[in-house]
Protein backbone atom coordinates (compact mmCIF):
# COMPACT_ATOMS: atom_id res chain seq x y z
CA MET A 1 2.02 -16.65 0.12
CA THR A 2 0.09 -19.27 2.07
CA THR A 3 -2.52 -21.61 0.37
CA ARG A 4 -4.74 -21.82 3.59
CA ARG A 5 -8.39 -21.57 2.95
CA THR A 6 -9.53 -20.87 6.83
CA PHE A 7 -9.21 -16.95 6.64
CA LEU A 8 -12.65 -16.10 7.12
CA THR A 9 -14.79 -15.91 10.31
CA ALA A 10 -18.20 -17.51 10.45
CA THR A 11 -19.57 -14.01 10.17
CA GLY A 12 -18.18 -13.21 6.61
CA ALA A 13 -18.20 -16.46 5.19
CA LEU A 14 -21.72 -17.10 5.17
CA ALA A 15 -22.32 -13.97 3.93
CA LEU A 16 -20.00 -14.42 1.01
CA THR A 17 -21.73 -17.39 -0.18
CA ALA A 18 -24.56 -15.23 -0.94
CA CYS A 19 -22.76 -13.99 -4.20
CA ALA A 20 -22.72 -17.47 -5.67
CA THR A 21 -25.15 -16.19 -8.43
CA ASN A 22 -23.10 -13.25 -9.08
CA PRO A 23 -22.71 -12.67 -12.97
CA PHE A 24 -18.99 -11.75 -12.42
CA ALA A 25 -18.21 -15.67 -11.62
CA THR A 26 -17.51 -15.85 -15.20
CA GLU A 27 -17.01 -12.03 -16.41
CA ARG A 28 -14.09 -10.28 -14.97
CA PRO A 29 -14.79 -6.69 -14.14
CA PRO A 30 -12.36 -3.78 -14.33
CA VAL A 31 -11.09 -3.60 -10.55
CA VAL A 32 -9.66 -0.26 -9.53
CA PHE A 33 -7.47 -0.06 -6.55
CA VAL A 34 -7.11 3.05 -4.40
CA HIS A 35 -4.29 3.39 -1.88
CA GLY A 36 -3.95 4.80 1.51
CA ASN A 37 -2.41 7.96 3.08
CA GLY A 38 0.88 8.84 1.95
CA ASP A 39 1.15 5.46 -0.05
CA SER A 40 1.36 4.89 -3.94
CA ALA A 41 -0.46 2.44 -6.55
CA SER A 42 2.83 0.21 -6.31
CA ILE A 43 1.51 -0.95 -2.80
CA TRP A 44 -1.21 -3.08 -4.75
CA GLN A 45 1.58 -5.00 -6.92
CA SER A 46 1.29 -8.42 -4.94
CA THR A 47 -2.43 -8.14 -5.01
CA LEU A 48 -2.81 -7.60 -8.85
CA TRP A 49 -0.41 -10.70 -9.15
CA ARG A 50 -2.87 -12.77 -7.28
CA PHE A 51 -5.80 -11.48 -9.51
CA GLU A 52 -3.73 -12.30 -12.57
CA SER A 53 -2.74 -15.85 -11.12
CA ASN A 54 -6.50 -16.59 -10.96
CA GLY A 55 -7.24 -15.44 -14.45
CA TRP A 56 -7.88 -11.75 -14.23
CA PRO A 57 -6.95 -10.05 -17.39
CA ARG A 58 -3.99 -7.63 -16.54
CA GLU A 59 -5.70 -4.75 -18.53
CA ARG A 60 -8.72 -5.05 -16.40
CA LEU A 61 -6.64 -4.32 -13.18
CA HIS A 62 -5.89 -0.45 -12.59
CA ALA A 63 -4.29 1.06 -9.41
CA ILE A 64 -4.47 4.74 -9.05
CA ASP A 65 -1.79 7.42 -7.92
CA LEU A 66 -3.11 10.08 -6.10
CA PRO A 67 -0.44 12.85 -7.09
CA TYR A 68 -0.46 14.30 -3.31
CA PRO A 69 -1.35 11.16 -1.29
CA LEU A 70 -1.46 13.05 2.29
CA ALA A 71 -4.26 14.23 3.95
CA ARG A 72 -4.77 17.82 5.25
CA ASP A 73 -4.47 18.27 8.85
CA VAL A 74 -7.80 19.81 9.12
CA ASP A 75 -9.84 18.74 5.86
CA ALA A 76 -11.36 22.32 5.15
CA ASN A 77 -8.14 24.14 5.43
CA PRO A 78 -6.04 24.46 2.37
CA GLN A 79 -2.28 22.79 2.91
CA PRO A 80 0.25 22.62 0.25
CA GLY A 81 1.20 19.24 -0.78
CA ARG A 82 -1.99 17.71 0.63
CA THR A 83 -5.33 16.67 -0.58
CA SER A 84 -9.03 17.29 1.01
CA THR A 85 -11.39 14.61 1.02
CA ALA A 86 -13.12 16.57 -1.94
CA GLU A 87 -10.00 16.58 -4.07
CA HIS A 88 -9.47 12.85 -3.33
CA MET A 89 -12.80 12.10 -4.43
CA ALA A 90 -12.66 13.98 -7.46
CA PHE A 91 -9.40 12.29 -8.61
CA LEU A 92 -10.94 8.61 -7.89
CA LYS A 93 -14.00 9.52 -9.93
CA ALA A 94 -11.83 10.83 -12.91
CA GLU A 95 -9.98 7.58 -12.85
CA VAL A 96 -13.04 5.42 -12.77
CA GLU A 97 -14.31 7.30 -15.78
CA LYS A 98 -10.92 6.63 -17.44
CA VAL A 99 -11.45 3.07 -16.82
CA LEU A 100 -14.83 2.61 -17.95
CA ARG A 101 -13.99 4.36 -21.24
CA ALA A 102 -10.91 2.27 -21.69
CA THR A 103 -12.73 -0.98 -21.03
CA GLY A 104 -16.26 -0.31 -22.34
CA ALA A 105 -17.52 -1.75 -18.99
CA ARG A 106 -20.59 -0.24 -17.41
CA GLN A 107 -19.41 -0.63 -13.86
CA VAL A 108 -16.15 -1.30 -11.83
CA VAL A 109 -15.22 -2.99 -8.75
CA LEU A 110 -13.44 -0.74 -6.14
CA MET A 111 -11.01 -2.08 -3.63
CA ALA A 112 -9.31 0.36 -1.26
CA ASN A 113 -7.05 0.49 1.83
CA SER A 114 -7.14 2.69 4.77
CA ARG A 115 -7.74 6.31 3.74
CA GLY A 116 -8.31 5.21 0.16
CA GLY A 117 -11.90 3.79 1.59
CA TYR A 118 -13.05 7.27 2.54
CA ALA A 119 -12.69 8.24 -1.28
CA VAL A 120 -14.61 5.04 -2.34
CA ARG A 121 -17.41 5.98 0.27
CA ASN A 122 -17.49 9.70 -0.73
CA TYR A 123 -17.59 8.93 -4.63
CA ILE A 124 -20.29 6.53 -4.01
CA GLN A 125 -22.41 8.52 -1.81
CA ASN A 126 -21.95 11.92 -3.24
CA GLY A 127 -20.27 11.54 -6.51
CA GLY A 128 -22.18 9.51 -8.73
CA GLY A 129 -20.36 5.97 -7.97
CA ALA A 130 -23.62 4.40 -6.82
CA ALA A 131 -24.26 4.08 -10.55
CA THR A 132 -20.69 2.93 -11.81
CA VAL A 133 -19.58 0.75 -8.95
CA SER A 134 -21.11 -2.66 -8.41
CA HIS A 135 -18.55 -3.54 -5.39
CA ALA A 136 -16.83 -1.57 -2.73
CA ILE A 137 -14.03 -3.62 -0.69
CA LEU A 138 -12.56 -1.74 2.19
CA GLY A 139 -9.62 -3.13 3.99
CA GLY A 140 -8.63 -1.27 7.17
CA THR A 141 -10.45 1.95 6.48
CA PRO A 142 -10.95 3.69 9.89
CA ASN A 143 -14.70 4.35 9.11
CA HIS A 144 -15.36 5.27 12.35
CA GLY A 145 -12.09 7.43 12.87
CA VAL A 146 -8.76 6.89 14.32
CA TRP A 147 -10.11 8.71 17.25
CA HIS A 148 -13.52 9.95 17.92
CA SER A 149 -12.73 13.35 19.77
CA ILE A 150 -9.78 13.94 21.85
CA PRO A 151 -8.66 17.38 23.39
CA GLY A 152 -5.78 18.57 21.28
CA MET A 153 -6.55 16.51 17.97
CA PRO A 154 -8.00 18.30 15.35
CA ASP A 155 -11.84 17.71 15.20
CA GLY A 156 -11.73 18.88 11.58
CA SER A 157 -9.69 16.02 10.44
CA GLU A 158 -10.90 13.46 8.33
CA PHE A 159 -9.72 11.00 10.55
CA ALA A 160 -12.05 12.38 13.40
CA GLY A 161 -14.76 10.11 14.04
CA ALA A 162 -16.70 12.78 15.53
CA GLY A 163 -15.67 15.34 12.80
CA PRO A 164 -18.00 16.68 9.98
CA PHE A 165 -16.82 14.30 7.09
CA LEU A 166 -16.98 11.09 8.99
CA THR A 167 -20.38 12.05 10.53
CA MET A 168 -21.59 12.86 6.90
CA LEU A 169 -20.54 9.36 5.61
CA ASN A 170 -21.71 7.20 8.70
CA ALA A 171 -25.30 8.93 8.88
CA PRO A 172 -28.14 6.21 8.46
CA LYS A 173 -28.96 5.65 4.89
CA ASN A 174 -32.25 4.10 5.72
CA ALA A 175 -34.81 2.69 8.26
CA ASN A 176 -32.48 -0.01 9.24
CA GLY A 177 -29.75 2.54 10.20
CA ASP A 178 -27.30 1.15 7.39
CA GLU A 179 -24.25 3.18 6.84
CA VAL A 180 -23.44 2.11 3.14
CA THR A 181 -25.16 3.31 0.13
CA GLY A 182 -27.15 1.07 -2.17
CA PRO A 183 -27.37 -0.66 -4.43
CA VAL A 184 -23.53 -1.24 -4.28
CA ARG A 185 -22.24 -4.27 -2.51
CA TRP A 186 -19.95 -3.61 0.32
CA LEU A 187 -17.18 -5.53 2.13
CA THR A 188 -15.18 -4.42 4.97
CA ILE A 189 -12.09 -6.33 6.04
CA ARG A 190 -10.54 -5.86 9.44
CA SER A 191 -8.21 -7.34 11.78
CA ASN A 192 -9.58 -8.94 15.13
CA ASP A 193 -7.13 -6.57 17.47
CA ASN A 194 -3.82 -5.94 15.56
CA ASP A 195 -4.92 -2.79 13.42
CA LYS A 196 -2.86 0.19 14.79
CA PHE A 197 -5.61 2.39 13.79
CA ALA A 198 -8.51 0.83 15.17
CA GLN A 199 -7.35 0.71 18.75
CA PRO A 200 -9.16 1.79 22.03
CA ASP A 201 -5.73 3.46 23.40
CA GLY A 202 -3.77 6.07 21.49
CA THR A 203 -0.74 4.54 21.58
CA TRP A 204 -0.07 4.82 17.90
CA ILE A 205 -1.48 8.48 17.44
CA GLY A 206 1.01 9.61 20.30
CA ARG A 207 -1.46 9.59 22.84
CA ARG A 208 -0.47 6.51 25.07
CA GLY A 209 -3.07 5.95 27.90
CA THR A 210 -5.69 7.86 26.36
CA PRO A 211 -8.76 6.37 25.20
CA THR A 212 -9.60 7.18 21.64
CA GLY A 213 -13.21 6.15 21.81
CA VAL A 214 -12.79 3.97 19.04
CA THR A 215 -12.80 0.03 19.17
CA PHE A 216 -11.02 -3.01 17.24
CA ASP A 217 -14.34 -3.23 15.16
CA GLY A 218 -14.25 0.55 13.93
CA PRO A 219 -13.63 -0.42 10.34
CA GLN A 220 -16.98 -2.21 10.16
CA LEU A 221 -19.94 -0.83 8.58
CA LYS A 222 -23.59 -1.52 9.02
CA GLY A 223 -24.98 -2.83 6.13
CA ALA A 224 -21.95 -4.28 4.81
CA THR A 225 -20.55 -8.01 4.67
CA ASN A 226 -17.91 -7.48 7.71
CA VAL A 227 -15.13 -10.12 7.33
CA VAL A 228 -12.34 -10.31 10.62
CA LEU A 229 -8.94 -11.97 9.62
CA PRO A 230 -7.02 -12.73 12.94
CA ARG A 231 -3.82 -10.98 13.62
CA VAL A 232 -3.40 -9.11 10.29
CA ASP A 233 -2.11 -5.51 10.46
CA HIS A 234 -3.40 -2.35 9.31
CA ARG A 235 -2.09 -2.79 5.72
CA GLU A 236 -2.76 -6.54 5.61
CA THR A 237 -6.35 -6.07 5.72
CA ALA A 238 -5.83 -5.22 2.06
CA PHE A 239 -2.28 -6.56 0.77
CA SER A 240 -2.13 -10.13 2.24
CA ALA A 241 -3.15 -13.25 0.71
CA ALA A 242 -5.86 -13.75 3.27
CA ALA A 243 -7.48 -10.36 2.15
CA PHE A 244 -7.28 -11.45 -1.42
CA ASP A 245 -9.11 -14.49 -0.81
CA ALA A 246 -11.93 -12.50 0.94
CA ALA A 247 -12.00 -10.04 -2.03
CA TYR A 248 -12.06 -12.72 -4.71
CA ARG A 249 -14.80 -14.63 -3.14
CA PHE A 250 -16.82 -11.51 -2.73
CA ILE A 251 -16.50 -10.34 -6.14
CA THR A 252 -17.13 -13.60 -7.87
CA GLY A 253 -18.80 -15.94 -5.19
CA GLU A 254 -16.18 -18.69 -5.99
CA GLU A 255 -12.93 -19.75 -4.12
CA PRO A 256 -9.84 -18.62 -5.76
CA GLU A 257 -7.85 -21.40 -7.56
CA THR A 258 -4.65 -20.43 -5.92
CA LEU A 259 -3.41 -17.86 -3.30
CA GLU A 260 -0.01 -18.29 -4.89
CA ILE A 261 1.63 -16.01 -7.22
CA GLN A 262 1.88 -18.03 -10.25
CA ALA A 263 5.68 -17.02 -11.95
CA GLU A 264 6.43 -15.96 -15.28
CA ARG A 265 9.52 -17.12 -16.92
CA ARG A 266 10.46 -13.68 -18.30
CA VAL A 267 8.91 -10.66 -16.87
CA VAL A 268 8.61 -7.28 -18.12
CA LEU A 269 8.89 -4.21 -15.49
CA ASN A 270 8.22 -0.85 -15.43
CA GLY A 271 7.24 1.92 -13.24
CA LYS A 272 7.42 5.65 -12.00
CA ILE A 273 10.32 7.29 -10.19
CA THR A 274 8.98 9.75 -7.94
CA GLY A 275 10.36 12.28 -5.23
CA LEU A 276 9.53 14.45 -2.05
CA GLY A 277 8.01 17.59 -1.27
CA LEU A 278 5.95 20.11 -2.95
CA ARG A 279 8.03 20.03 -6.07
CA PRO A 280 10.32 16.77 -6.40
CA THR A 281 13.27 18.73 -8.18
CA ASP A 282 13.29 21.33 -5.33
CA ALA A 283 14.83 20.03 -2.17
CA ALA A 284 13.76 23.04 -0.10
CA SER A 285 10.20 22.21 -0.89
CA GLY A 286 9.67 19.47 1.67
CA ASN A 287 10.63 15.76 2.66
CA PHE A 288 7.01 14.30 2.67
CA ALA A 289 5.98 11.86 0.32
CA ASN A 290 4.41 12.81 -3.29
CA ASN A 291 3.45 10.44 -6.54
CA LEU A 292 4.92 12.90 -8.99
CA PRO A 293 7.48 11.77 -11.55
CA LEU A 294 10.97 13.01 -10.84
CA PRO A 295 12.34 14.12 -14.48
CA GLY A 296 15.92 13.85 -14.95
CA ALA A 297 16.33 11.03 -12.31
CA ARG A 298 18.75 8.39 -13.52
CA LEU A 299 18.31 4.69 -12.90
CA GLU A 300 20.62 1.98 -13.58
CA VAL A 301 19.57 -1.79 -13.20
CA PHE A 302 22.20 -4.47 -12.20
CA ALA A 303 22.06 -8.37 -11.85
CA ILE A 304 23.29 -9.39 -8.53
CA ASP A 305 24.57 -12.40 -6.69
CA PRO A 306 21.72 -13.95 -4.39
CA ALA A 307 24.30 -14.95 -1.79
CA THR A 308 26.43 -11.79 -1.63
CA GLY A 309 24.59 -8.94 -3.10
CA GLU A 310 27.71 -8.31 -5.44
CA ARG A 311 27.16 -7.09 -9.07
CA ARG A 312 27.32 -9.44 -12.08
CA GLY A 313 28.87 -7.03 -14.54
CA GLY A 314 27.67 -3.50 -15.60
CA PRO A 315 24.15 -2.06 -15.64
CA VAL A 316 21.56 -4.38 -17.55
CA HIS A 317 19.27 -1.31 -18.02
CA THR A 318 19.90 2.39 -17.82
CA ARG A 319 17.43 5.10 -18.32
CA VAL A 320 17.26 8.77 -17.53
CA VAL A 321 13.38 9.42 -17.07
CA ASP A 322 11.65 12.08 -18.79
CA ALA A 323 8.57 14.08 -17.81
CA SER A 324 6.35 10.89 -17.16
CA GLY A 325 8.83 9.57 -14.58
CA MET A 326 8.76 6.02 -16.34
CA TRP A 327 11.95 4.10 -15.94
CA GLY A 328 11.31 0.95 -18.32
CA PRO A 329 10.43 -1.11 -19.82
CA PHE A 330 12.83 -3.64 -18.86
CA THR A 331 12.92 -7.62 -19.31
CA THR A 332 14.25 -10.03 -16.96
CA GLU A 333 13.79 -13.43 -15.58
CA ALA A 334 11.69 -14.25 -12.40
CA VAL A 335 14.78 -15.98 -10.82
CA THR A 336 17.18 -12.76 -11.06
CA HIS A 337 18.08 -10.78 -8.19
CA HIS A 338 18.41 -7.10 -8.92
CA GLU A 339 20.04 -3.82 -7.51
CA PHE A 340 18.22 -0.51 -8.47
CA VAL A 341 20.33 2.74 -8.42
CA ILE A 342 18.56 6.13 -8.43
CA THR A 343 20.70 9.19 -8.86
CA ALA A 344 18.77 12.61 -8.73
CA ALA A 345 19.77 16.22 -7.98
CA GLY A 346 19.01 16.78 -4.35
CA TYR A 347 18.81 13.29 -3.19
CA ALA A 348 21.10 10.74 -1.95
CA THR A 349 22.24 7.81 -4.67
CA THR A 350 19.76 5.24 -3.35
CA HIS A 351 20.60 1.33 -3.97
CA ILE A 352 17.38 -0.35 -3.67
CA TYR A 353 17.61 -4.06 -3.50
CA ARG A 354 14.43 -6.25 -4.11
CA SER A 355 13.50 -9.89 -4.01
CA PRO A 356 13.11 -11.59 -7.95
CA PHE A 357 9.82 -10.39 -9.35
CA PRO A 358 7.61 -13.59 -10.14
CA ARG A 359 5.75 -11.73 -12.48
CA GLY A 360 5.74 -8.63 -14.90
CA SER A 361 4.43 -5.14 -13.49
CA ASN A 362 3.85 -1.56 -14.56
CA LEU A 363 3.85 -0.67 -10.61
CA VAL A 364 7.58 -1.04 -9.87
CA HIS A 365 7.56 2.64 -8.58
CA MET A 366 10.73 3.77 -6.70
CA ARG A 367 11.77 6.98 -4.91
CA PRO A 368 15.18 8.11 -3.95
CA GLU A 369 16.07 8.73 -0.32
CA ARG A 370 17.42 12.16 1.45
CA ILE A 371 19.61 11.42 4.09
CA PRO A 372 18.67 12.95 7.42
CA ALA A 373 21.28 15.01 9.21
CA ALA A 374 21.10 12.62 12.46
CA ASP A 375 22.28 9.53 9.89
CA GLN A 376 24.94 11.45 8.03
CA ALA A 377 27.70 10.97 10.47
CA GLY A 378 27.43 7.09 10.29
CA PRO A 379 29.62 5.22 7.99
CA SER A 380 26.86 3.75 6.02
CA LEU A 381 22.83 3.64 6.23
CA VAL A 382 20.74 0.76 5.45
CA ILE A 383 16.83 0.86 5.65
CA MET A 384 14.86 -2.34 5.98
CA ASN A 385 11.35 -1.54 4.45
CA ARG A 386 8.02 -3.37 4.28
CA PRO A 387 5.63 -1.43 2.40
CA ARG A 388 2.39 -3.95 2.45
CA GLY A 389 2.76 -4.64 6.06
CA TYR A 390 4.39 -4.05 9.48
CA LEU A 391 7.04 -5.50 11.55
CA ASP A 392 5.55 -7.37 14.77
CA PRO A 393 8.13 -9.23 17.01
CA THR A 394 5.28 -11.10 18.66
CA ARG A 395 3.92 -12.36 15.46
CA ASP A 396 6.85 -12.50 12.73
CA ARG A 397 10.05 -14.33 12.13
CA MET A 398 12.26 -11.71 10.99
CA ALA A 399 15.99 -10.28 11.22
CA PHE A 400 18.04 -7.07 9.95
CA ASP A 401 21.83 -7.67 9.50
CA GLY A 402 21.32 -10.78 12.15
CA VAL A 403 19.63 -8.73 14.57
CA THR A 404 16.15 -9.87 15.86
CA PRO A 405 14.24 -8.04 16.16
CA PRO A 406 14.97 -5.27 13.73
CA PRO A 407 15.98 -1.98 15.49
CA GLY A 408 12.61 0.02 16.31
CA ALA A 409 10.56 -2.97 15.67
CA VAL A 410 8.21 -3.17 18.78
CA PRO A 411 5.06 -5.37 19.34
CA GLY A 412 1.97 -4.36 18.03
CA ALA A 413 2.57 -3.97 14.36
CA GLY A 414 2.82 -0.44 14.15
CA VAL A 415 6.26 0.05 12.44
CA SER A 416 6.87 -0.89 8.84
CA SER A 417 10.61 0.02 8.55
CA SER A 418 13.99 -0.24 10.53
CA ARG A 419 17.13 1.54 10.07
CA MET A 420 20.96 0.56 10.74
CA LYS A 421 24.13 2.31 10.42
CA PRO A 422 26.73 -0.84 9.70
CA THR A 423 30.25 -0.33 10.37
CA GLY A 424 33.46 -1.32 8.38
CA ALA A 425 34.02 -1.79 5.08
CA PRO A 426 31.38 -2.17 2.45
CA ARG A 427 30.05 -5.47 2.72
CA ALA A 428 26.59 -7.77 2.40
CA VAL A 429 23.62 -6.84 4.53
CA VAL A 430 20.34 -9.01 4.69
CA ALA A 431 16.60 -8.31 5.46
CA GLU A 432 14.57 -11.42 6.38
CA PHE A 433 10.81 -11.33 6.84
CA ASN A 434 8.75 -14.63 7.14
CA GLY A 435 10.86 -16.72 4.77
CA GLU A 436 11.28 -13.83 2.39
CA ARG A 437 15.18 -12.62 2.21
CA VAL A 438 16.55 -9.40 0.56
CA ILE A 439 20.24 -9.04 0.38
CA GLY A 440 22.11 -6.15 -0.53
CA ARG A 441 25.53 -4.11 -0.01
CA THR A 442 26.57 -1.15 2.40
CA TRP A 443 27.40 2.26 0.74
CA PRO A 444 29.35 5.04 2.41
CA THR A 445 27.25 7.80 3.53
CA ALA A 446 30.19 10.08 2.97
CA GLY A 447 29.38 9.78 -0.59
CA ASN A 448 25.75 10.71 0.01
CA GLU A 449 24.61 7.27 -0.74
CA VAL A 450 21.98 4.86 1.05
CA THR A 451 20.94 1.31 0.93
CA VAL A 452 17.32 0.16 0.87
CA LEU A 453 16.09 -3.46 1.23
CA GLU A 454 12.72 -3.53 0.16
CA LEU A 455 10.56 -6.71 0.97
CA THR A 456 7.77 -7.46 -1.37
CA PHE A 457 5.64 -9.51 0.82
């Protein structure tokens, strides 16, 4: 949570100053946040905290949860548990309309990461969003594809630069050849060279040594304000302090007062417990991510010792979730460390450890794990997970149970989690990343239990 103000390159900073007369400098419009492929609304948690810390009313910040967040392999072919570009756009349109009704506002700001930017562009260009959206901010959206055209890769995928979907979106909109639809103001945020989905080589799509036909500047759009952030990864183009800084300036024409998240003494937490597969309560329906509620799941929350991960007494909150999936509200303090324990039929008992929450949030979504057959033989299984960014040994200071770099974390910012199978009796285990430290305990896989150490930043 840095306070540096040197995030913007010259090409972006000059354009952002043009917003100095923006009426939103004093009035805070509703902002709708759109997650990427396979993600959920919870990934925007720290971004919302930064907006709130700069005076944005919490009730004017809305993150959507696409029920089936994964794209189809081929956009035109129905695929259970996955959404087409048309379905994605229709869902976003309905969410924007709900926000407009609830707030009484005439327009919203849309901020998206990765695939979410496709829905934003499609809605503005083809779904009526040109009238209901004032600003569109796209972090890491592969606007010219993850690949252009590679034999064996589906040309009908929405991620194919030469495919029908992106060809339609990127067609020139005027005599200048602009790729964006007016009168909406557009901002793209990209990495200089560290975005796994804007690479000239196909390493991160399983085609090492094959040219993708895509360059580092693939997320840029002609006609938009295009900002480049050095060394950020694919997710950090949207969820980092630097990305927030760029977005805030673009919307308001002002520098944010702070990039730090301002703590509340007492915080109220809530969120949704979701599952896996086509039907979350049916283990035979698959193990892919969804954002559907998992009714019947039981959550227990424990306060823990920050030095050992040991529980400090019995549960401080217990809830069996209903059809909404919501597990709160739960009130705590900003300095307290917690263990969240989810039990649900068809899933492992999942012990999730998090850093203390500096502010309240309704986006504390959680999902229980299923232990893969390959990991069931180990005495325990611990997962270190960084939802809002990747693990890059050439850039980051990190350790997992004292191991540096964490297992599986390879150069290039392409891996967001690491797995270990600690031996011996149950004990403390620690995940560390650029100053954030999450401590938990190991639990026996023989009892169908798993530990998740989830980083917040």
